[in-house]
Amino acid sequence: MKQQVIFLDTVHEILEQRLTELGFTCVDGSEWSLEETKAKLKEAFGIVIRSRFPMNKDLLANAEELQFIARSGAGMENIDEAYCNDRGIVLFNAPEGNRNAVGEHALGMLLSLMNKLHTSHQEIRHGKWERDGNRGIELDGKTVGIIGYGNNGRAFAKKLRGFDVKVLAYDKYKSGFGDDFVMEATLEAVVRKSDVISFHIPQNNETVYFANQEFFDALGKPIFLLNLSRGKIVETAALIRAIEGGKVLAAGLDVNEFEKSSFEAFFEDESSIPENLKYLLHSDKILMTPHIGGWTNESYFKLSNVLADKINDWWSERQP
């Protein structure tokens, strides 16, 4: 009997094609309810997901034959990694697949904020021709601080190479990565010296509310803030205070702390939108996008193709 790989989310068809070529039977479970999923995972050899269901013990205990989980994306916070490690379930993700998209999106958000493209466009659409109030700030000569120097942080730094900027990068778990384009720095230096700070770190117990009141109080100058990592990296209440106090000039948020596990259902109940989220939605100092920083036509293919490469290598090593 061929091993079953259950696709609990829709991904690019190249992954199914390549897994089928490897001899797996691919099953579409993208329309299954949670209860259906629990009932049908008993013989699953592999699971492919994005973010529809949390891969926790309650769900995975039903997958008695499970050998791997492949996430079409970078973050793994939706997966109980400790439980998977205890069971020997191999985890795959694909940060290489969307890093270029994230880097370009970050640069686009930054230039839009600094040149007030997002606000001036809306004003013109409403018949307001305001030039002086939309005077921009040039990126040239500024210091850009990157917190988290993995795939996405490096991609953003690469996009900045065409600008006359100093790039400082801090990563708690990496060292020795400085080169002609990026200067390795302490967190204190990034916070104190940067004109722009961009987050590219995973969400875990160490990083939730990384950008809190203490973080903003330590800033050496007013900054433009970018968050293209995970929503709870930035504490919204602290960000609002920093904006109102002049410590943050503007913020580009591709993610926010109010996202639900499936961000397609983000505005499911508009009557229950928290006040701090309403502030973000209505402030002209905020540019928000719906968690699409790594979600381009090209990355949609690359995410699945990268996963196929990794599963292929793993599967090949297991063959006699």
C-alpha atoms as a PDB file:
ATOM      1  CA  MET A   1       0.000   0.000   0.000  1.00  0.00           C
ATOM      2  CA  LYS A   2       1.324   3.438  -0.961  1.00  0.00           C
ATOM      3  CA  GLN A   3       1.948   5.916   1.822  1.00  0.00           C
ATOM      4  CA  GLN A   4      -0.716   8.596   2.090  1.00  0.00           C
ATOM      5  CA  VAL A   5       0.140  12.288   2.236  1.00  0.00           C
ATOM      6  CA  ILE A   6      -2.825  14.384   3.366  1.00  0.00           C
ATOM      7  CA  PHE A   7      -3.005  17.957   2.063  1.00  0.00           C
ATOM      8  CA  LEU A   8      -4.898  19.905   4.731  1.00  0.00           C
ATOM      9  CA  ASP A   9      -4.385  23.205   2.900  1.00  0.00           C
ATOM     10  CA  THR A  10      -4.191  24.211  -0.740  1.00  0.00           C
ATOM     11  CA  VAL A  11      -0.646  24.650  -2.024  1.00  0.00           C
ATOM     12  CA  HIS A  12       0.925  24.810  -5.471  1.00  0.00           C
ATOM     13  CA  GLU A  13       0.261  21.676  -7.504  1.00  0.00           C
ATOM     14  CA  ILE A  14       3.981  21.038  -8.040  1.00  0.00           C
ATOM     15  CA  LEU A  15       4.235  19.486  -4.579  1.00  0.00           C
ATOM     16  CA  GLU A  16       1.522  16.924  -5.283  1.00  0.00           C
ATOM     17  CA  GLN A  17       3.071  16.183  -8.682  1.00  0.00           C
ATOM     18  CA  ARG A  18       6.511  15.561  -7.264  1.00  0.00           C
ATOM     19  CA  LEU A  19       5.294  13.524  -4.288  1.00  0.00           C
ATOM     20  CA  THR A  20       3.221  11.378  -6.628  1.00  0.00           C
ATOM     21  CA  GLU A  21       6.338  10.773  -8.710  1.00  0.00           C
ATOM     22  CA  LEU A  22       8.072   9.582  -5.543  1.00  0.00           C
ATOM     23  CA  GLY A  23       5.340   6.992  -5.055  1.00  0.00           C
ATOM     24  CA  PHE A  24       3.138   8.686  -2.470  1.00  0.00           C
ATOM     25  CA  THR A  25      -0.648   8.777  -2.650  1.00  0.00           C
ATOM     26  CA  CYS A  26      -1.777  12.383  -2.243  1.00  0.00           C
ATOM     27  CA  VAL A  27      -5.183  13.033  -0.671  1.00  0.00           C
ATOM     28  CA  ASP A  28      -6.988  16.378  -0.699  1.00  0.00           C
ATOM     29  CA  GLY A  29      -8.237  17.150   2.804  1.00  0.00           C
ATOM     30  CA  SER A  30      -8.446  20.893   2.367  1.00  0.00           C
ATOM     31  CA  GLU A  31     -12.238  20.876   2.790  1.00  0.00           C
ATOM     32  CA  TRP A  32     -12.357  18.547   5.767  1.00  0.00           C
ATOM     33  CA  SER A  33     -13.661  19.788   9.092  1.00  0.00           C
ATOM     34  CA  LEU A  34     -11.516  19.331  12.178  1.00  0.00           C
ATOM     35  CA  GLU A  35     -13.526  16.290  13.235  1.00  0.00           C
ATOM     36  CA  GLU A  36     -13.266  14.762   9.750  1.00  0.00           C
ATOM     37  CA  THR A  37      -9.543  15.388   9.794  1.00  0.00           C
ATOM     38  CA  LYS A  38      -9.110  13.620  13.127  1.00  0.00           C
ATOM     39  CA  ALA A  39     -11.038  10.630  11.818  1.00  0.00           C
ATOM     40  CA  LYS A  40      -9.097  10.363   8.549  1.00  0.00           C
ATOM     41  CA  LEU A  41      -5.531  10.841   9.770  1.00  0.00           C
ATOM     42  CA  LYS A  42      -5.079   7.325  11.112  1.00  0.00           C
ATOM     43  CA  GLU A  43      -3.137   6.097   8.093  1.00  0.00           C
ATOM     44  CA  ALA A  44      -1.491   9.388   7.129  1.00  0.00           C
ATOM     45  CA  PHE A  45       2.208   9.001   6.386  1.00  0.00           C
ATOM     46  CA  GLY A  46       2.647  12.742   5.804  1.00  0.00           C
ATOM     47  CA  ILE A  47       0.703  15.966   6.269  1.00  0.00           C
ATOM     48  CA  VAL A  48       0.984  19.159   4.213  1.00  0.00           C
ATOM     49  CA  ILE A  49      -0.316  22.323   5.873  1.00  0.00           C
ATOM     50  CA  ARG A  50      -0.233  26.086   5.848  1.00  0.00           C
ATOM     51  CA  SER A  51      -2.185  27.420   8.843  1.00  0.00           C
ATOM     52  CA  ARG A  52      -5.695  25.949   8.813  1.00  0.00           C
ATOM     53  CA  PHE A  53      -5.391  23.721  11.890  1.00  0.00           C
ATOM     54  CA  PRO A  54      -2.908  23.786  14.779  1.00  0.00           C
ATOM     55  CA  MET A  55      -0.751  20.682  14.666  1.00  0.00           C
ATOM     56  CA  ASN A  56      -1.131  19.886  18.365  1.00  0.00           C
ATOM     57  CA  LYS A  57      -1.163  16.658  20.332  1.00  0.00           C
ATOM     58  CA  ASP A  58      -4.954  16.468  20.260  1.00  0.00           C
ATOM     59  CA  LEU A  59      -4.936  16.305  16.475  1.00  0.00           C
ATOM     60  CA  LEU A  60      -1.691  14.453  15.821  1.00  0.00           C
ATOM     61  CA  ALA A  61      -2.468  11.643  18.271  1.00  0.00           C
ATOM     62  CA  ASN A  62      -4.939  10.427  15.653  1.00  0.00           C
ATOM     63  CA  ALA A  63      -2.178  10.084  13.042  1.00  0.00           C
ATOM     64  CA  GLU A  64      -0.654   6.833  14.260  1.00  0.00           C
ATOM     65  CA  GLU A  65       1.515   6.253  11.175  1.00  0.00           C
ATOM     66  CA  LEU A  66       2.643   9.852  10.691  1.00  0.00           C
ATOM     67  CA  GLN A  67       6.264  10.301   9.614  1.00  0.00           C
ATOM     68  CA  PHE A  68       6.432  13.937   8.488  1.00  0.00           C
ATOM     69  CA  ILE A  69       4.680  17.302   8.447  1.00  0.00           C
ATOM     70  CA  ALA A  70       5.497  19.769   5.667  1.00  0.00           C
ATOM     71  CA  ARG A  71       4.517  23.401   6.236  1.00  0.00           C
ATOM     72  CA  SER A  72       4.197  25.631   3.187  1.00  0.00           C
ATOM     73  CA  GLY A  73       5.763  28.657   4.839  1.00  0.00           C
ATOM     74  CA  ALA A  74       8.513  29.620   7.229  1.00  0.00           C
ATOM     75  CA  GLY A  75       7.047  29.794  10.741  1.00  0.00           C
ATOM     76  CA  MET A  76       6.531  26.647  12.812  1.00  0.00           C
ATOM     77  CA  GLU A  77       4.686  28.131  15.788  1.00  0.00           C
ATOM     78  CA  ASN A  78       1.486  26.341  14.713  1.00  0.00           C
ATOM     79  CA  ILE A  79       3.150  22.960  15.267  1.00  0.00           C
ATOM     80  CA  ASP A  80       3.827  21.281  18.617  1.00  0.00           C
ATOM     81  CA  GLU A  81       7.496  20.667  17.874  1.00  0.00           C
ATOM     82  CA  ALA A  82       8.231  19.011  21.214  1.00  0.00           C
ATOM     83  CA  TYR A  83       5.482  16.441  20.696  1.00  0.00           C
ATOM     84  CA  CYS A  84       6.652  15.771  17.151  1.00  0.00           C
ATOM     85  CA  ASN A  85      10.227  15.330  18.305  1.00  0.00           C
ATOM     86  CA  ASP A  86       9.105  12.830  20.965  1.00  0.00           C
ATOM     87  CA  ARG A  87       7.349  10.798  18.303  1.00  0.00           C
ATOM     88  CA  GLY A  88      10.108  11.125  15.737  1.00  0.00           C
ATOM     89  CA  ILE A  89       7.919  13.053  13.294  1.00  0.00           C
ATOM     90  CA  VAL A  90      10.129  14.953  10.857  1.00  0.00           C
ATOM     91  CA  LEU A  91       9.209  18.607  10.267  1.00  0.00           C
ATOM     92  CA  PHE A  92       9.822  20.481   7.038  1.00  0.00           C
ATOM     93  CA  ASN A  93       9.315  24.163   6.315  1.00  0.00           C
ATOM     94  CA  ALA A  94      10.322  26.369   3.403  1.00  0.00           C
ATOM     95  CA  PRO A  95      11.707  29.767   4.428  1.00  0.00           C
ATOM     96  CA  GLU A  96      13.859  29.697   1.288  1.00  0.00           C
ATOM     97  CA  GLY A  97      10.706  29.741  -0.815  1.00  0.00           C
ATOM     98  CA  ASN A  98       9.355  33.152   0.179  1.00  0.00           C
ATOM     99  CA  ARG A  99      12.418  35.069   1.390  1.00  0.00           C
ATOM    100  CA  ASN A 100      12.748  37.133  -1.781  1.00  0.00           C
ATOM    101  CA  ALA A 101       9.055  38.040  -1.645  1.00  0.00           C
ATOM    102  CA  VAL A 102       9.409  39.157   1.983  1.00  0.00           C
ATOM    103  CA  GLY A 103      12.487  41.236   1.184  1.00  0.00           C
ATOM    104  CA  GLU A 104      10.747  43.038  -1.669  1.00  0.00           C
ATOM    105  CA  HIS A 105       7.579  43.565   0.371  1.00  0.00           C
ATOM    106  CA  ALA A 106       9.550  45.068   3.256  1.00  0.00           C
ATOM    107  CA  LEU A 107      11.310  47.492   0.940  1.00  0.00           C
ATOM    108  CA  GLY A 108       8.034  48.439  -0.713  1.00  0.00           C
ATOM    109  CA  MET A 109       6.384  49.144   2.627  1.00  0.00           C
ATOM    110  CA  LEU A 110       9.336  51.213   3.800  1.00  0.00           C
ATOM    111  CA  LEU A 111       9.478  53.401   0.692  1.00  0.00           C
ATOM    112  CA  SER A 112       5.718  53.880   0.775  1.00  0.00           C
ATOM    113  CA  LEU A 113       5.819  55.002   4.402  1.00  0.00           C
ATOM    114  CA  MET A 114       8.798  57.318   3.999  1.00  0.00           C
ATOM    115  CA  ASN A 115       7.305  58.970   0.916  1.00  0.00           C
ATOM    116  CA  LYS A 116       3.696  58.887   2.193  1.00  0.00           C
ATOM    117  CA  LEU A 117       2.516  57.085  -0.917  1.00  0.00           C
ATOM    118  CA  HIS A 118      -0.241  55.284   0.979  1.00  0.00           C
ATOM    119  CA  THR A 119      -1.789  58.474   2.366  1.00  0.00           C
ATOM    120  CA  SER A 120      -1.314  60.823  -0.587  1.00  0.00           C
ATOM    121  CA  HIS A 121      -2.941  58.319  -2.938  1.00  0.00           C
ATOM    122  CA  GLN A 122      -6.041  58.154  -0.740  1.00  0.00           C
ATOM    123  CA  GLU A 123      -6.173  61.946  -0.441  1.00  0.00           C
ATOM    124  CA  ILE A 124      -6.068  62.410  -4.211  1.00  0.00           C
ATOM    125  CA  ARG A 125      -8.857  59.873  -4.625  1.00  0.00           C
ATOM    126  CA  HIS A 126     -10.932  62.054  -2.306  1.00  0.00           C
ATOM    127  CA  GLY A 127     -10.132  65.270  -4.165  1.00  0.00           C
ATOM    128  CA  LYS A 128      -7.375  66.562  -1.901  1.00  0.00           C
ATOM    129  CA  TRP A 129      -4.164  67.795  -3.571  1.00  0.00           C
ATOM    130  CA  GLU A 130      -1.759  68.244  -0.653  1.00  0.00           C
ATOM    131  CA  ARG A 131       1.944  68.535  -1.468  1.00  0.00           C
ATOM    132  CA  ASP A 132       3.643  69.998   1.580  1.00  0.00           C
ATOM    133  CA  GLY A 133       1.834  67.724   4.020  1.00  0.00           C
ATOM    134  CA  ASN A 134       3.016  64.718   2.022  1.00  0.00           C
ATOM    135  CA  ARG A 135       6.658  65.728   1.851  1.00  0.00           C
ATOM    136  CA  GLY A 136       8.751  62.576   2.008  1.00  0.00           C
ATOM    137  CA  ILE A 137      11.904  61.482   3.800  1.00  0.00           C
ATOM    138  CA  GLU A 138      14.731  59.946   1.792  1.00  0.00           C
ATOM    139  CA  LEU A 139      16.173  56.562   2.668  1.00  0.00           C
ATOM    140  CA  ASP A 140      19.600  57.668   1.475  1.00  0.00           C
ATOM    141  CA  GLY A 141      22.058  58.074   4.337  1.00  0.00           C
ATOM    142  CA  LYS A 142      19.884  56.346   6.928  1.00  0.00           C
ATOM    143  CA  THR A 143      20.750  53.433   9.224  1.00  0.00           C
ATOM    144  CA  VAL A 144      18.548  50.364   8.851  1.00  0.00           C
ATOM    145  CA  GLY A 145      18.445  47.881  11.720  1.00  0.00           C
ATOM    146  CA  ILE A 146      17.435  44.283  11.051  1.00  0.00           C
ATOM    147  CA  ILE A 147      16.465  42.097  14.001  1.00  0.00           C
ATOM    148  CA  GLY A 148      16.691  38.458  12.978  1.00  0.00           C
ATOM    149  CA  TYR A 149      19.195  37.571  10.281  1.00  0.00           C
ATOM    150  CA  GLY A 150      17.793  34.375   8.827  1.00  0.00           C
ATOM    151  CA  ASN A 151      16.444  33.876   5.324  1.00  0.00           C
ATOM    152  CA  ASN A 152      14.081  36.859   5.413  1.00  0.00           C
ATOM    153  CA  GLY A 153      16.410  39.234   7.222  1.00  0.00           C
ATOM    154  CA  ARG A 154      19.187  38.504   4.735  1.00  0.00           C
ATOM    155  CA  ALA A 155      16.785  38.947   1.827  1.00  0.00           C
ATOM    156  CA  PHE A 156      15.770  42.402   3.064  1.00  0.00           C
ATOM    157  CA  ALA A 157      19.419  43.370   3.520  1.00  0.00           C
ATOM    158  CA  LYS A 158      20.094  42.260  -0.053  1.00  0.00           C
ATOM    159  CA  LYS A 159      17.302  44.509  -1.353  1.00  0.00           C
ATOM    160  CA  LEU A 160      18.863  47.472   0.448  1.00  0.00           C
ATOM    161  CA  ARG A 161      22.178  47.142  -1.398  1.00  0.00           C
ATOM    162  CA  GLY A 162      21.109  49.611  -4.066  1.00  0.00           C
ATOM    163  CA  PHE A 163      20.640  52.362  -1.474  1.00  0.00           C
ATOM    164  CA  ASP A 164      23.280  54.408   0.303  1.00  0.00           C
ATOM    165  CA  VAL A 165      22.393  53.119   3.754  1.00  0.00           C
ATOM    166  CA  LYS A 166      24.190  51.532   6.683  1.00  0.00           C
ATOM    167  CA  VAL A 167      22.663  48.174   7.600  1.00  0.00           C
ATOM    168  CA  LEU A 168      23.024  46.863  11.145  1.00  0.00           C
ATOM    169  CA  ALA A 169      21.867  43.326  11.882  1.00  0.00           C
ATOM    170  CA  TYR A 170      21.336  41.522  15.170  1.00  0.00           C
ATOM    171  CA  ASP A 171      20.619  37.832  15.629  1.00  0.00           C
ATOM    172  CA  LYS A 172      20.737  36.181  19.033  1.00  0.00           C
ATOM    173  CA  TYR A 173      21.681  32.820  17.523  1.00  0.00           C
ATOM    174  CA  LYS A 174      24.126  33.843  14.793  1.00  0.00           C
ATOM    175  CA  SER A 175      27.520  35.512  14.638  1.00  0.00           C
ATOM    176  CA  GLY A 176      30.238  36.157  12.099  1.00  0.00           C
ATOM    177  CA  PHE A 177      27.839  37.166   9.308  1.00  0.00           C
ATOM    178  CA  GLY A 178      29.057  40.731   8.787  1.00  0.00           C
ATOM    179  CA  ASP A 179      30.231  41.629   5.289  1.00  0.00           C
ATOM    180  CA  ASP A 180      30.529  44.611   2.942  1.00  0.00           C
ATOM    181  CA  PHE A 181      26.780  45.186   3.072  1.00  0.00           C
ATOM    182  CA  VAL A 182      25.774  44.313   6.638  1.00  0.00           C
ATOM    183  CA  MET A 183      27.428  45.137   9.939  1.00  0.00           C
ATOM    184  CA  GLU A 184      26.848  42.633  12.721  1.00  0.00           C
ATOM    185  CA  ALA A 185      25.686  44.558  15.781  1.00  0.00           C
ATOM    186  CA  THR A 186      24.372  44.176  19.293  1.00  0.00           C
ATOM    187  CA  LEU A 187      20.683  44.609  19.973  1.00  0.00           C
ATOM    188  CA  GLU A 188      21.502  47.754  21.944  1.00  0.00           C
ATOM    189  CA  ALA A 189      23.306  49.251  18.939  1.00  0.00           C
ATOM    190  CA  VAL A 190      20.426  48.443  16.591  1.00  0.00           C
ATOM    191  CA  VAL A 191      17.887  50.023  18.931  1.00  0.00           C
ATOM    192  CA  ARG A 192      20.001  53.092  19.656  1.00  0.00           C
ATOM    193  CA  LYS A 193      21.401  53.894  16.194  1.00  0.00           C
ATOM    194  CA  SER A 194      18.727  52.888  13.668  1.00  0.00           C
ATOM    195  CA  ASP A 195      16.387  55.124  11.693  1.00  0.00           C
ATOM    196  CA  VAL A 196      14.496  52.038  10.508  1.00  0.00           C
ATOM    197  CA  ILE A 197      13.984  48.780  12.423  1.00  0.00           C
ATOM    198  CA  SER A 198      12.650  45.688  10.692  1.00  0.00           C
ATOM    199  CA  PHE A 199      11.682  42.465  12.472  1.00  0.00           C
ATOM    200  CA  HIS A 200      12.410  39.068  10.918  1.00  0.00           C
ATOM    201  CA  ILE A 201      12.265  36.704  13.892  1.00  0.00           C
ATOM    202  CA  PRO A 202      10.096  33.679  14.733  1.00  0.00           C
ATOM    203  CA  GLN A 203       7.403  33.824  17.380  1.00  0.00           C
ATOM    204  CA  ASN A 204       8.201  31.852  20.512  1.00  0.00           C
ATOM    205  CA  ASN A 205       8.301  32.318  24.273  1.00  0.00           C
ATOM    206  CA  GLU A 206      11.377  34.537  23.977  1.00  0.00           C
ATOM    207  CA  THR A 207      10.027  36.835  21.274  1.00  0.00           C
ATOM    208  CA  VAL A 208       6.357  37.489  22.100  1.00  0.00           C
ATOM    209  CA  TYR A 209       6.069  41.268  22.653  1.00  0.00           C
ATOM    210  CA  PHE A 210       9.738  41.741  21.809  1.00  0.00           C
ATOM    211  CA  ALA A 211       8.812  45.284  20.806  1.00  0.00           C
ATOM    212  CA  ASN A 212       7.269  46.353  24.104  1.00  0.00           C
ATOM    213  CA  GLN A 213       7.321  49.563  26.108  1.00  0.00           C
ATOM    214  CA  GLU A 214      10.881  48.942  27.276  1.00  0.00           C
ATOM    215  CA  PHE A 215      11.991  48.438  23.664  1.00  0.00           C
ATOM    216  CA  PHE A 216      10.436  51.683  22.450  1.00  0.00           C
ATOM    217  CA  ASP A 217      11.722  53.621  25.454  1.00  0.00           C
ATOM    218  CA  ALA A 218      15.269  52.554  24.553  1.00  0.00           C
ATOM    219  CA  LEU A 219      15.149  53.967  21.016  1.00  0.00           C
ATOM    220  CA  GLY A 220      17.920  56.447  20.293  1.00  0.00           C
ATOM    221  CA  LYS A 221      15.921  58.353  17.677  1.00  0.00           C
ATOM    222  CA  PRO A 222      12.468  58.300  16.032  1.00  0.00           C
ATOM    223  CA  ILE A 223      12.158  55.297  13.713  1.00  0.00           C
ATOM    224  CA  PHE A 224      10.151  53.724  10.958  1.00  0.00           C
ATOM    225  CA  LEU A 225       9.105  50.257  12.145  1.00  0.00           C
ATOM    226  CA  LEU A 226       8.501  47.201   9.960  1.00  0.00           C
ATOM    227  CA  ASN A 227       7.086  43.875  11.088  1.00  0.00           C
ATOM    228  CA  LEU A 228       6.958  41.090   8.508  1.00  0.00           C
ATOM    229  CA  SER A 229       7.558  38.260  10.955  1.00  0.00           C
ATOM    230  CA  ARG A 230       4.712  37.382  13.341  1.00  0.00           C
ATOM    231  CA  GLY A 231       2.025  39.595  14.813  1.00  0.00           C
ATOM    232  CA  LYS A 232       2.770  39.147  18.498  1.00  0.00           C
ATOM    233  CA  ILE A 233       6.375  40.275  18.081  1.00  0.00           C
ATOM    234  CA  VAL A 234       5.049  43.855  18.408  1.00  0.00           C
ATOM    235  CA  GLU A 235       2.834  44.809  21.328  1.00  0.00           C
ATOM    236  CA  THR A 236       0.200  47.018  19.737  1.00  0.00           C
ATOM    237  CA  ALA A 237      -0.543  49.056  22.865  1.00  0.00           C
ATOM    238  CA  ALA A 238       3.146  49.904  23.233  1.00  0.00           C
ATOM    239  CA  LEU A 239       3.404  50.736  19.518  1.00  0.00           C
ATOM    240  CA  ILE A 240       0.458  53.130  19.770  1.00  0.00           C
ATOM    241  CA  ARG A 241       2.064  54.918  22.709  1.00  0.00           C
ATOM    242  CA  ALA A 242       5.338  55.120  20.779  1.00  0.00           C
ATOM    243  CA  ILE A 243       3.561  56.654  17.776  1.00  0.00           C
ATOM    244  CA  GLU A 244       1.695  59.183  19.885  1.00  0.00           C
ATOM    245  CA  GLY A 245       4.920  60.027  21.730  1.00  0.00           C
ATOM    246  CA  GLY A 246       6.860  60.576  18.505  1.00  0.00           C
ATOM    247  CA  LYS A 247       9.202  57.627  18.998  1.00  0.00           C
ATOM    248  CA  VAL A 248       7.782  55.805  15.947  1.00  0.00           C
ATOM    249  CA  LEU A 249       7.218  57.968  12.864  1.00  0.00           C
ATOM    250  CA  ALA A 250       5.232  55.287  11.035  1.00  0.00           C
ATOM    251  CA  ALA A 251       4.895  51.504  10.967  1.00  0.00           C
ATOM    252  CA  GLY A 252       4.472  48.956   8.205  1.00  0.00           C
ATOM    253  CA  LEU A 253       2.674  45.884   9.518  1.00  0.00           C
ATOM    254  CA  ASP A 254       2.197  42.862   7.307  1.00  0.00           C
ATOM    255  CA  VAL A 255       1.211  41.000  10.470  1.00  0.00           C
ATOM    256  CA  ASN A 256      -0.458  42.081  13.700  1.00  0.00           C
ATOM    257  CA  GLU A 257      -1.166  40.569  17.075  1.00  0.00           C
ATOM    258  CA  PHE A 258      -4.915  40.308  16.449  1.00  0.00           C
ATOM    259  CA  GLU A 259      -4.668  37.822  13.596  1.00  0.00           C
ATOM    260  CA  LYS A 260      -6.507  34.583  13.980  1.00  0.00           C
ATOM    261  CA  SER A 261      -4.772  31.305  13.227  1.00  0.00           C
ATOM    262  CA  SER A 262      -6.271  31.435   9.749  1.00  0.00           C
ATOM    263  CA  PHE A 263      -5.848  35.009   8.608  1.00  0.00           C
ATOM    264  CA  GLU A 264      -8.355  34.572   5.780  1.00  0.00           C
ATOM    265  CA  ALA A 265     -11.014  34.764   8.521  1.00  0.00           C
ATOM    266  CA  PHE A 266      -9.467  37.907   9.959  1.00  0.00           C
ATOM    267  CA  PHE A 267     -12.594  40.121   9.707  1.00  0.00           C
ATOM    268  CA  GLU A 268     -15.107  37.402  10.416  1.00  0.00           C
ATOM    269  CA  ASP A 269     -16.763  39.435  13.158  1.00  0.00           C
ATOM    270  CA  GLU A 270     -16.114  43.153  12.641  1.00  0.00           C
ATOM    271  CA  SER A 271     -18.238  44.125  15.636  1.00  0.00           C
ATOM    272  CA  SER A 272     -15.643  42.583  17.941  1.00  0.00           C
ATOM    273  CA  ILE A 273     -12.580  44.393  16.535  1.00  0.00           C
ATOM    274  CA  PRO A 274     -10.482  45.572  19.522  1.00  0.00           C
ATOM    275  CA  GLU A 275      -9.932  49.288  20.038  1.00  0.00           C
ATOM    276  CA  ASN A 276      -6.174  49.038  19.486  1.00  0.00           C
ATOM    277  CA  LEU A 277      -6.748  47.333  16.154  1.00  0.00           C
ATOM    278  CA  LYS A 278      -9.203  50.087  15.175  1.00  0.00           C
ATOM    279  CA  TYR A 279      -6.414  52.575  15.881  1.00  0.00           C
ATOM    280  CA  LEU A 280      -4.117  50.735  13.464  1.00  0.00           C
ATOM    281  CA  LEU A 281      -6.814  50.585  10.810  1.00  0.00           C
ATOM    282  CA  HIS A 282      -7.524  54.316  10.922  1.00  0.00           C
ATOM    283  CA  SER A 283      -4.103  55.844  11.586  1.00  0.00           C
ATOM    284  CA  ASP A 284      -2.355  57.498   8.636  1.00  0.00           C
ATOM    285  CA  LYS A 285       0.928  56.472  10.264  1.00  0.00           C
ATOM    286  CA  ILE A 286       0.170  52.796   9.768  1.00  0.00           C
ATOM    287  CA  LEU A 287       0.443  50.798   6.554  1.00  0.00           C
ATOM    288  CA  MET A 288      -1.120  47.348   6.884  1.00  0.00           C
ATOM    289  CA  THR A 289      -1.193  44.379   4.528  1.00  0.00           C
ATOM    290  CA  PRO A 290      -2.998  41.046   5.134  1.00  0.00           C
ATOM    291  CA  HIS A 291       0.002  38.799   5.855  1.00  0.00           C
ATOM    292  CA  ILE A 292       1.031  38.680   2.199  1.00  0.00           C
ATOM    293  CA  GLY A 293       4.689  39.649   2.540  1.00  0.00           C
ATOM    294  CA  GLY A 294       5.776  36.200   1.383  1.00  0.00           C
ATOM    295  CA  TRP A 295       2.752  35.503  -0.775  1.00  0.00           C
ATOM    296  CA  THR A 296       3.577  36.201  -4.419  1.00  0.00           C
ATOM    297  CA  ASN A 297       2.840  34.195  -7.550  1.00  0.00           C
ATOM    298  CA  GLU A 298       6.486  33.179  -7.623  1.00  0.00           C
ATOM    299  CA  SER A 299       6.733  32.239  -3.953  1.00  0.00           C
ATOM    300  CA  TYR A 300       3.548  30.153  -4.195  1.00  0.00           C
ATOM    301  CA  PHE A 301       5.463  27.844  -6.541  1.00  0.00           C
ATOM    302  CA  LYS A 302       8.801  28.072  -4.744  1.00  0.00           C
ATOM    303  CA  LEU A 303       7.369  27.186  -1.330  1.00  0.00           C
ATOM    304  CA  SER A 304       6.019  23.899  -2.653  1.00  0.00           C
ATOM    305  CA  ASN A 305       9.050  23.168  -4.780  1.00  0.00           C
ATOM    306  CA  VAL A 306      11.407  23.689  -1.836  1.00  0.00           C
ATOM    307  CA  LEU A 307       9.302  21.322   0.277  1.00  0.00           C
ATOM    308  CA  ALA A 308       9.402  18.759  -2.524  1.00  0.00           C
ATOM    309  CA  ASP A 309      13.209  19.024  -2.644  1.00  0.00           C
ATOM    310  CA  LYS A 310      13.521  18.480   1.107  1.00  0.00           C
ATOM    311  CA  ILE A 311      11.083  15.562   1.209  1.00  0.00           C
ATOM    312  CA  ASN A 312      12.809  14.012  -1.795  1.00  0.00           C
ATOM    313  CA  ASP A 313      16.224  14.203  -0.084  1.00  0.00           C
ATOM    314  CA  TRP A 314      14.823  12.764   3.163  1.00  0.00           C
ATOM    315  CA  TRP A 315      12.942   9.994   1.376  1.00  0.00           C
ATOM    316  CA  SER A 316      15.955   9.082  -0.757  1.00  0.00           C
ATOM    317  CA  GLU A 317      18.103   8.618   2.368  1.00  0.00           C
ATOM    318  CA  ARG A 318      15.546   6.176   3.773  1.00  0.00           C
ATOM    319  CA  GLN A 319      15.569   3.909   0.749  1.00  0.00           C
ATOM    320  CA  PRO A 320      17.695   0.733   0.864  1.00  0.00           C
END
